[in-house]
Amino acid sequence: MSNPWKRTKLKLKIAANKIPLDSFSESKILNPDRIIEVSIPIKLDNGKVKVFKGYRVQHDNTKGPYKGGLRYHQHVDMTEVKALATLMTIKNAVVDIPFGGAKGGICVDPKKLSVTELEELTREFTRKLAPIIGPKLDVPAPDVNTNPNIMRWIVEEYSKVVGKKELAVVTGKPIDFGGSEGRTEATGLGGYYVLQEIVKKLYKKPENLTVAIQGFGNVGLYLAVFLVKAGYKVVAISEEHGGIYIPEGIKDIDDLFKCKEKNGKLKGCIEGAKNIGPAEVLELPVDIIVPAALGNAITTENVNKIKAKIVLEMANGPTTSKADEILTKKEVLVIPDILANAGGVAVSYFEWYQNVHKEKMTKKEVFKKLEVKMKSAVDAVYETADTYDVDLRQASYVLALKRLTEKA
């Protein structure tokens, strides 16, 4: 099933039947509260006017303000945004933070815009969204192709509209502009905490486990750093242009990343490493694979080539439904994205809290709070899996639905 919205609804229906959920609650969770589509006309540097489409889907605010990223990508569409908004609701409930779920974006290839055009696009988008976002309404954040500087533009423009400075309108801001310490590492570190807790439950030792990571952006980088520090043997990493495989393990992740940034690729960064394709990294003879790039990385085309016994989903939706079924039959433990990569939104909540309460946490404090949150989430998901006799993905959905529908 390639349609992400249909796929998400199916997972929700299966979980709803496990509880079981009453028809009203099920209907509420299967239908977003609000769907916004806006036109964003901007004047390009050459004097021409171009109109872009912008989207924001506010799925559910039962637990608190809507929360979710804004992505700038040429393939952004309403189907994708609805699915991602719904998954944000589920993810926030799994990690137990007082936010609902939302998602948004602009259908644009930001690489084709100048910095001036990108700023005007962002500011016009903010003006269109201003009536329906805010610290207590909907709190956007960075996502694909958006960054702290874009969040700064949103804060500045939103503050103009409402007539006062409102840092808490978005998260993922620069640290000197209300951002939180530890936000850069948060998603990767959260995934590390989740894996550590599950490895303990499986009575395994990090030093006996090999790992291959697909994706060497922010998430893959920091996950690799923390894994190596904890004793895991990271033997392969890939990015969009290819990857490297070193059976004896990669020793220095920071040096590898610096080399990749300098040369634009991983190939040639470590002497003696075997060059592999971006997809090949998931098929290596390792204990743990980590899809940490784009969605639909594990499909019926490659699932039977997977040799790992643990899949840590750090990307959003990296496994198709059919492939997921096959992994379950193969007795592969899949740690689902809505648990594994929830560290980012957890620290986003810490940032929002600091802004609202005019506080400032140290990085050490943020990391400690994140560790507690992620370990607690793992324990709750495991307990739900045992209670309902389901895998971790279904358990995450069931746990979320229970939290979203339980009476105060």
Protein backbone atom coordinates (compact mmCIF):
# COMPACT_ATOMS: atom_id res chain seq x y z
CA MET A 1 0.00 0.00 0.00
CA SER A 2 1.85 3.10 -1.23
CA ASN A 3 -0.69 5.73 -0.13
CA PRO A 4 0.67 6.94 3.25
CA TRP A 5 -2.72 8.23 4.43
CA LYS A 6 -4.49 4.93 3.71
CA ARG A 7 -1.63 3.03 5.33
CA THR A 8 -1.82 5.14 8.50
CA LYS A 9 -5.60 4.80 8.74
CA LEU A 10 -5.33 1.03 8.41
CA LYS A 11 -2.84 0.85 11.27
CA LEU A 12 -5.13 2.99 13.42
CA LYS A 13 -8.15 0.81 12.65
CA ILE A 14 -6.26 -2.35 13.59
CA ALA A 15 -5.19 -0.76 16.89
CA ALA A 16 -8.69 0.58 17.53
CA ASN A 17 -10.09 -2.94 17.20
CA LYS A 18 -7.64 -4.22 19.79
CA ILE A 19 -8.86 -1.90 22.57
CA PRO A 20 -11.70 -1.82 21.28
CA LEU A 21 -12.48 1.84 20.59
CA ASP A 22 -16.02 3.19 20.37
CA SER A 23 -17.18 4.42 16.96
CA PHE A 24 -17.16 8.12 17.91
CA SER A 25 -13.57 8.03 19.20
CA GLU A 26 -12.45 6.03 16.18
CA SER A 27 -14.07 8.49 13.77
CA LYS A 28 -12.42 11.40 15.57
CA ILE A 29 -8.96 9.88 15.33
CA LEU A 30 -9.41 8.93 11.66
CA ASN A 31 -10.37 12.44 10.57
CA PRO A 32 -8.14 15.49 11.03
CA ASP A 33 -9.64 18.44 12.91
CA ARG A 34 -8.66 21.00 10.29
CA ILE A 35 -7.06 20.99 6.83
CA ILE A 36 -5.57 24.22 5.51
CA GLU A 37 -4.36 24.88 1.97
CA VAL A 38 -2.98 28.31 1.10
CA SER A 39 -1.60 30.07 -1.95
CA ILE A 40 1.78 31.74 -1.47
CA PRO A 41 2.61 34.25 -4.20
CA ILE A 42 6.11 35.73 -4.12
CA LYS A 43 8.10 37.97 -6.40
CA LEU A 44 11.23 36.19 -7.60
CA ASP A 45 14.60 37.93 -7.95
CA ASN A 46 14.05 38.23 -11.71
CA GLY A 47 10.86 40.21 -11.13
CA LYS A 48 8.45 37.42 -12.06
CA VAL A 49 5.71 36.27 -9.70
CA LYS A 50 5.37 32.61 -8.79
CA VAL A 51 2.61 31.04 -6.70
CA PHE A 52 3.37 28.10 -4.42
CA LYS A 53 0.97 25.82 -2.54
CA GLY A 54 1.25 25.59 1.23
CA TYR A 55 -0.39 23.09 3.57
CA ARG A 56 -1.08 22.64 7.27
CA VAL A 57 -3.05 19.74 8.70
CA GLN A 58 -4.08 19.95 12.35
CA HIS A 59 -5.01 16.42 13.27
CA ASP A 60 -5.88 16.33 16.98
CA ASN A 61 -5.39 18.59 20.00
CA THR A 62 -6.85 16.40 22.74
CA LYS A 63 -3.59 16.46 24.72
CA GLY A 64 -2.47 20.01 23.94
CA PRO A 65 -1.51 22.39 21.11
CA TYR A 66 -1.07 20.89 17.65
CA LYS A 67 2.62 20.09 17.03
CA GLY A 68 4.57 19.06 13.96
CA GLY A 69 7.12 20.07 11.39
CA LEU A 70 7.05 22.13 8.21
CA ARG A 71 8.78 20.63 5.19
CA TYR A 72 9.85 22.32 1.96
CA HIS A 73 9.92 19.73 -0.80
CA GLN A 74 8.74 19.48 -4.39
CA HIS A 75 6.72 16.33 -3.59
CA VAL A 76 4.81 17.67 -0.60
CA ASP A 77 1.10 16.95 -1.03
CA MET A 78 -2.03 16.72 1.11
CA THR A 79 -2.03 12.91 1.25
CA GLU A 80 1.44 12.86 2.77
CA VAL A 81 0.78 15.75 5.13
CA LYS A 82 -2.43 14.17 6.50
CA ALA A 83 -0.60 10.94 7.26
CA LEU A 84 2.32 12.71 8.91
CA ALA A 85 0.03 14.92 11.01
CA THR A 86 -1.79 11.84 12.28
CA LEU A 87 1.48 10.11 13.08
CA MET A 88 2.57 13.16 15.07
CA THR A 89 -0.53 12.81 17.25
CA ILE A 90 0.34 9.16 17.85
CA LYS A 91 4.04 9.86 18.43
CA ASN A 92 3.36 12.60 20.97
CA ALA A 93 0.95 10.32 22.83
CA VAL A 94 3.48 7.45 22.84
CA VAL A 95 6.20 9.62 24.37
CA ASP A 96 3.56 11.19 26.65
CA ILE A 97 4.01 14.90 26.05
CA PRO A 98 1.14 17.43 26.16
CA PHE A 99 0.93 18.12 22.44
CA GLY A 100 -1.43 17.04 19.69
CA GLY A 101 -0.37 16.37 16.12
CA ALA A 102 0.04 18.51 13.01
CA LYS A 103 2.19 18.70 9.90
CA GLY A 104 2.65 21.14 7.07
CA GLY A 105 4.79 22.27 4.25
CA ILE A 106 5.22 23.96 0.91
CA CYS A 107 5.43 22.24 -2.45
CA VAL A 108 8.77 23.73 -3.52
CA ASP A 109 12.34 22.73 -4.33
CA PRO A 110 14.16 25.14 -1.99
CA LYS A 111 17.45 24.55 -3.80
CA LYS A 112 16.02 26.46 -6.77
CA LEU A 113 15.35 29.59 -4.68
CA SER A 114 17.78 32.25 -3.56
CA VAL A 115 18.04 33.04 0.16
CA THR A 116 15.99 36.19 -0.44
CA GLU A 117 13.24 34.23 -2.23
CA LEU A 118 13.24 31.55 0.46
CA GLU A 119 12.87 34.15 3.20
CA GLU A 120 9.97 35.88 1.41
CA LEU A 121 8.29 32.52 0.81
CA THR A 122 8.59 31.67 4.51
CA ARG A 123 7.34 35.05 5.69
CA GLU A 124 4.34 35.01 3.34
CA PHE A 125 3.52 31.44 4.44
CA THR A 126 3.70 32.62 8.07
CA ARG A 127 1.31 35.50 7.37
CA LYS A 128 -1.16 33.02 5.87
CA LEU A 129 -0.84 30.63 8.81
CA ALA A 130 -0.77 33.29 11.56
CA PRO A 131 -4.49 33.04 12.49
CA ILE A 132 -4.26 29.32 13.17
CA ILE A 133 -0.82 28.90 14.81
CA GLY A 134 0.52 30.13 18.14
CA PRO A 135 2.05 28.90 21.43
CA LYS A 136 -1.29 27.58 22.68
CA LEU A 137 -2.77 26.67 19.27
CA ASP A 138 -0.25 25.06 16.94
CA VAL A 139 3.53 24.99 17.25
CA PRO A 140 5.42 24.21 13.99
CA ALA A 141 9.03 23.00 13.83
CA PRO A 142 11.75 22.21 11.28
CA ASP A 143 11.39 19.17 9.04
CA VAL A 144 12.72 18.20 5.60
CA ASN A 145 14.69 21.13 4.07
CA THR A 146 13.78 23.54 6.87
CA ASN A 147 16.13 24.68 9.61
CA PRO A 148 16.62 26.95 12.66
CA ASN A 149 17.05 30.04 10.49
CA ILE A 150 13.70 29.44 8.78
CA MET A 151 12.16 29.07 12.26
CA ARG A 152 13.68 32.47 13.14
CA TRP A 153 11.94 34.06 10.14
CA ILE A 154 8.64 32.53 11.26
CA VAL A 155 9.03 33.91 14.79
CA GLU A 156 9.89 37.36 13.45
CA GLU A 157 6.96 37.47 11.03
CA TYR A 158 4.43 35.98 13.45
CA SER A 159 5.56 38.45 16.13
CA LYS A 160 4.89 41.32 13.70
CA VAL A 161 1.38 40.01 13.03
CA VAL A 162 0.42 39.61 16.70
CA GLY A 163 2.23 42.73 17.88
CA LYS A 164 4.59 41.11 20.41
CA LYS A 165 7.60 38.81 20.43
CA GLU A 166 6.44 35.17 20.64
CA LEU A 167 9.39 32.77 20.76
CA ALA A 168 7.13 29.82 21.65
CA VAL A 169 5.27 29.92 18.31
CA VAL A 170 7.79 27.44 16.85
CA THR A 171 10.51 25.14 18.11
CA GLY A 172 13.84 24.22 16.55
CA LYS A 173 15.05 27.82 16.71
CA PRO A 174 18.72 28.88 16.94
CA ILE A 175 19.99 28.54 20.52
CA ASP A 176 20.67 32.30 20.72
CA PHE A 177 17.08 32.93 19.64
CA GLY A 178 15.15 30.87 22.16
CA GLY A 179 16.20 27.43 20.95
CA SER A 180 16.99 24.58 23.32
CA GLU A 181 20.36 23.09 24.10
CA GLY A 182 20.48 19.51 22.85
CA ARG A 183 17.89 19.92 20.09
CA THR A 184 20.44 19.15 17.35
CA GLU A 185 21.30 15.78 18.86
CA ALA A 186 17.79 15.01 20.17
CA THR A 187 16.37 12.62 17.56
CA GLY A 188 19.53 10.54 17.25
CA LEU A 189 20.06 10.52 21.02
CA GLY A 190 16.43 9.57 21.61
CA GLY A 191 16.82 6.62 19.24
CA TYR A 192 19.96 5.59 21.11
CA TYR A 193 18.12 5.66 24.47
CA VAL A 194 15.30 3.55 23.00
CA LEU A 195 17.71 0.98 21.56
CA GLN A 196 19.70 0.82 24.80
CA GLU A 197 16.57 0.08 26.80
CA ILE A 198 15.42 -2.62 24.37
CA VAL A 199 18.87 -4.22 24.21
CA LYS A 200 18.74 -4.49 28.01
CA LYS A 201 15.31 -6.14 27.83
CA LEU A 202 16.74 -8.65 25.34
CA TYR A 203 19.67 -9.36 27.70
CA LYS A 204 22.18 -8.42 25.03
CA LYS A 205 25.41 -6.41 25.33
CA PRO A 206 26.21 -3.45 23.02
CA GLU A 207 29.78 -4.63 22.44
CA ASN A 208 28.43 -7.85 20.92
CA LEU A 209 26.16 -6.09 18.42
CA THR A 210 26.93 -4.83 14.91
CA VAL A 211 25.00 -1.95 13.35
CA ALA A 212 24.49 -0.62 9.80
CA ILE A 213 22.96 2.84 9.32
CA GLN A 214 21.24 4.12 6.18
CA GLY A 215 21.35 7.92 6.30
CA PHE A 216 24.12 10.22 7.52
CA GLY A 217 22.24 13.44 8.09
CA ASN A 218 21.59 14.88 11.51
CA VAL A 219 19.78 11.79 12.82
CA GLY A 220 22.17 9.13 11.50
CA LEU A 221 25.23 11.14 12.52
CA TYR A 222 24.33 11.58 16.19
CA LEU A 223 22.88 8.11 16.54
CA ALA A 224 26.19 6.71 15.24
CA VAL A 225 28.19 8.91 17.62
CA PHE A 226 26.28 7.72 20.69
CA LEU A 227 26.26 4.08 19.58
CA VAL A 228 30.04 3.96 19.07
CA LYS A 229 30.57 5.69 22.41
CA ALA A 230 28.43 3.00 24.09
CA GLY A 231 30.45 0.16 22.54
CA TYR A 232 28.27 -0.88 19.58
CA LYS A 233 30.21 -1.79 16.45
CA VAL A 234 28.93 0.48 13.66
CA VAL A 235 30.23 -1.32 10.58
CA ALA A 236 28.46 0.55 7.78
CA ILE A 237 26.96 3.94 7.01
CA SER A 238 25.44 5.17 3.77
CA GLU A 239 24.07 8.42 2.36
CA GLU A 240 22.36 9.26 -0.94
CA HIS A 241 25.54 8.90 -3.03
CA GLY A 242 26.66 5.60 -1.50
CA GLY A 243 28.24 4.23 1.63
CA ILE A 244 31.13 2.40 3.24
CA TYR A 245 31.37 -0.98 4.94
CA ILE A 246 34.08 -1.82 7.46
CA PRO A 247 33.51 -5.18 9.18
CA GLU A 248 35.88 -4.31 12.03
CA GLY A 249 33.86 -1.17 12.80
CA ILE A 250 34.14 2.59 12.26
CA LYS A 251 36.18 4.16 15.05
CA ASP A 252 35.74 7.91 14.63
CA ILE A 253 32.32 9.12 13.46
CA ASP A 254 33.19 12.81 13.79
CA ASP A 255 36.18 12.48 11.45
CA LEU A 256 34.06 10.52 8.99
CA PHE A 257 31.40 13.23 8.97
CA LYS A 258 34.00 15.98 8.44
CA CYS A 259 35.42 14.05 5.48
CA LYS A 260 31.94 13.56 4.01
CA GLU A 261 31.16 17.28 4.39
CA LYS A 262 34.45 18.21 2.71
CA ASN A 263 34.22 15.75 -0.20
CA GLY A 264 30.44 15.54 -0.57
CA LYS A 265 30.44 11.75 -0.22
CA LEU A 266 31.56 8.94 2.06
CA LYS A 267 33.52 7.08 -0.62
CA GLY A 268 37.24 7.39 0.01
CA CYS A 269 36.88 8.69 3.56
CA ILE A 270 38.34 5.59 5.24
CA GLU A 271 41.20 3.65 3.70
CA GLY A 272 40.37 0.00 3.09
CA ALA A 273 36.60 0.45 3.43
CA LYS A 274 34.37 -1.33 0.95
CA ASN A 275 32.15 0.98 -1.09
CA ILE A 276 28.46 0.01 -1.07
CA GLY A 277 25.24 1.40 -2.52
CA PRO A 278 22.78 3.40 -0.39
CA ALA A 279 20.29 0.51 -0.28
CA GLU A 280 22.90 -2.23 0.17
CA VAL A 281 23.59 -1.11 3.74
CA LEU A 282 20.25 -2.61 4.84
CA GLU A 283 21.19 -6.04 3.45
CA LEU A 284 24.49 -6.52 5.28
CA PRO A 285 25.13 -9.38 7.75
CA VAL A 286 24.65 -7.31 10.92
CA ASP A 287 22.56 -7.52 14.09
CA ILE A 288 20.83 -4.15 13.77
CA ILE A 289 19.91 -2.06 10.74
CA VAL A 290 18.81 1.55 10.98
CA PRO A 291 16.83 3.13 8.14
CA ALA A 292 17.45 6.79 8.98
CA ALA A 293 16.94 8.45 5.60
CA LEU A 294 13.65 8.56 3.67
CA GLY A 295 10.42 6.56 3.85
CA ASN A 296 9.75 3.23 2.09
CA ALA A 297 13.34 2.03 2.47
CA ILE A 298 12.25 -1.51 3.33
CA THR A 299 9.82 -2.96 0.80
CA THR A 300 8.84 -6.33 -0.64
CA GLU A 301 11.72 -5.83 -3.09
CA ASN A 302 14.44 -6.04 -0.45
CA VAL A 303 12.85 -7.35 2.76
CA ASN A 304 13.91 -10.95 2.15
CA LYS A 305 17.53 -9.83 1.75
CA ILE A 306 17.56 -8.39 5.27
CA LYS A 307 19.72 -10.43 7.64
CA ALA A 308 19.48 -8.28 10.78
CA LYS A 309 17.29 -9.34 13.68
CA ILE A 310 16.54 -5.79 14.87
CA VAL A 311 15.31 -2.84 12.79
CA LEU A 312 15.50 0.58 14.45
CA GLU A 313 13.26 2.89 12.39
CA MET A 314 14.74 6.37 12.63
CA ALA A 315 13.19 7.66 9.40
CA ASN A 316 9.45 8.35 9.15
CA GLY A 317 7.62 5.40 7.55
CA PRO A 318 10.70 3.49 6.36
CA THR A 319 8.90 0.12 6.17
CA THR A 320 5.93 -0.63 3.93
CA SER A 321 2.99 -2.59 5.37
CA LYS A 322 3.71 -5.73 3.35
CA ALA A 323 7.39 -5.65 4.27
CA ASP A 324 6.43 -5.19 7.91
CA GLU A 325 4.33 -8.36 7.78
CA ILE A 326 7.25 -10.29 6.30
CA LEU A 327 9.65 -9.01 8.97
CA THR A 328 7.22 -10.17 11.66
CA LYS A 329 7.07 -13.66 10.10
CA LYS A 330 10.88 -13.69 10.01
CA GLU A 331 10.82 -12.85 13.75
CA VAL A 332 12.68 -9.61 13.20
CA LEU A 333 12.13 -7.12 16.03
CA VAL A 334 11.00 -3.82 14.49
CA ILE A 335 11.33 -0.79 16.76
CA PRO A 336 8.75 1.51 15.12
CA ASP A 337 9.41 5.08 14.05
CA ILE A 338 6.72 6.54 16.30
CA LEU A 339 8.76 5.31 19.27
CA ALA A 340 12.32 5.29 17.92
CA ASN A 341 12.49 8.81 16.51
CA ALA A 342 10.31 10.61 19.06
CA GLY A 343 13.33 12.17 20.78
CA GLY A 344 13.14 15.20 18.52
CA VAL A 345 9.59 16.13 19.45
CA ALA A 346 10.31 15.42 23.13
CA VAL A 347 13.07 18.03 23.15
CA SER A 348 10.83 20.33 21.08
CA TYR A 349 8.43 20.16 24.01
CA PHE A 350 11.27 21.05 26.40
CA GLU A 351 12.10 24.07 24.18
CA TRP A 352 8.47 25.21 24.11
CA TYR A 353 8.24 24.79 27.90
CA GLN A 354 11.40 26.86 28.41
CA ASN A 355 10.04 29.64 26.17
CA VAL A 356 6.62 29.71 27.83
CA HIS A 357 8.05 29.66 31.37
CA LYS A 358 11.07 31.85 30.55
CA GLU A 359 13.50 29.20 31.73
CA LYS A 360 16.78 27.87 30.32
CA MET A 361 17.93 24.26 30.72
CA THR A 362 21.52 23.09 30.30
CA LYS A 363 22.32 20.43 27.72
CA LYS A 364 22.94 17.96 30.56
CA GLU A 365 19.47 18.65 31.98
CA VAL A 366 17.85 18.26 28.55
CA PHE A 367 19.63 14.95 27.92
CA LYS A 368 18.61 13.60 31.33
CA LYS A 369 14.97 14.56 30.83
CA LEU A 370 15.06 12.99 27.37
CA GLU A 371 16.52 9.76 28.72
CA VAL A 372 13.74 9.51 31.32
CA LYS A 373 11.06 10.21 28.68
CA MET A 374 12.35 7.66 26.17
CA LYS A 375 12.91 4.89 28.71
CA SER A 376 9.44 5.45 30.12
CA ALA A 377 7.97 5.23 26.60
CA VAL A 378 9.78 1.95 25.92
CA ASP A 379 8.51 0.47 29.18
CA ALA A 380 4.93 1.54 28.40
CA VAL A 381 5.07 0.12 24.85
CA TYR A 382 6.51 -3.18 26.09
CA GLU A 383 3.84 -3.47 28.77
CA THR A 384 1.14 -2.81 26.16
CA ALA A 385 2.68 -5.39 23.81
CA ASP A 386 2.52 -8.00 26.58
CA THR A 387 -1.03 -7.08 27.60
CA TYR A 388 -2.46 -7.23 24.07
CA ASP A 389 -0.06 -9.84 22.64
CA VAL A 390 0.99 -7.61 19.73
CA ASP A 391 4.27 -6.42 18.21
CA LEU A 392 5.90 -3.13 19.20
CA ARG A 393 4.35 -1.18 16.32
CA GLN A 394 0.80 -2.22 17.15
CA ALA A 395 1.55 -1.74 20.83
CA SER A 396 2.65 1.85 20.17
CA TYR A 397 -0.61 2.59 18.34
CA VAL A 398 -2.72 0.91 21.02
CA LEU A 399 -0.90 2.81 23.79
CA ALA A 400 -1.39 6.11 21.96
CA LEU A 401 -5.09 5.52 21.33
CA LYS A 402 -5.65 4.59 24.97
CA ARG A 403 -3.94 7.80 26.11
CA LEU A 404 -5.87 9.90 23.60
CA THR A 405 -9.25 8.50 24.58
CA GLU A 406 -8.88 7.93 28.32
CA LYS A 407 -11.14 10.10 30.45
CA ALA A 408 -9.48 12.85 32.44
